[in-house]
Amino acid sequence: MNFPGTVYTLWLREIKRFYRNKGRLFGSMAMPALFLIVLGSGFGRVFQYRSDISYAEFLGPGIVAMSLLFSSMFGGMNVLWDKQFGFLKEILVAPVSRTAIMAGQTMGTVTTSMVKALVFLIALLVGGLIKSDLYGILPALVFMFLISASFVSLGIAFASRMSDPHAFPLIMNFLIMPVFFLSGALYPLDRIPGWLETVTRMNPLTYGVDGMRFALGAPYQFSPWLNLTVLLVFWIGTTVVGTVLFRKMSV
């Protein structure tokens, strides 16, 4: 099977698994919705950043990024379970490129992550918590893809070096929570201590959240081109690392 055929086959497998398990969609929406409702309501009265935007509207793009981060990083679980049940061994010994296998796994998880985030994004649009139009949605989709593809590759890179699917969620939570809380998704960067702002600026997700805010009409801190450049570099870096580790993986 050629490269595009391998990618398509594995992509389609992920889509079918997602379609047959609809509970994954609703389950993945629970935590972002909880953050938006509880934090948006709880801090709404004390948040004073700009008079023309509520805290829930400020929070919305960051919660979309949160949904992408969680579902993308845990995409590495698919690799571990495939390794556990022997499916990965079967496709790795097939006469196909490991890079194609990695690409198919990545694109399948990116697609399902984007679907989950889009459902949440549509809900925010219907609820009036996002002020955007078609010209804003299109760049938002670009930022969403880059966030998802970057962290899917990172998750697969970790999964390639692990063998225990039960330990994977513990390590991912240890990594995901600091990445999310230090991304500026919950607070404006110009209202935090200098040392915390320095740490936050070193986080690639910060630029994804800021790019989402730019695209969706919320207050943003950096140039959109800076956000795009940082995410592109991060995506390329995680893709290269993930591909190298996946090709060296043994099952």
Foldseek 3Di string as FASTA:
>chain_A
DALVVLLVVLLVVLVVVCVVCVVVLVVLVVVLVCCLVCVQVVCQVVDPDDPVATLSLLLLLLSLLLSLLVQQLCLLLVVLVCVVVVVVVVVVPDPYDLLSNLNSSLNNSLVVSVVSSVVSVVVCVVVVSFAADPQLVVLLVVLSSLSRLLNNLLNLLVSLVDNDSVCSVVVSVVVSVVLSVLQCSNHHLVPDDPVSSVVSVVRLSNLSSLLNCVSRVHDHDDDNVVSVVSSVVSSVVSSVSSSVSSNVGDD
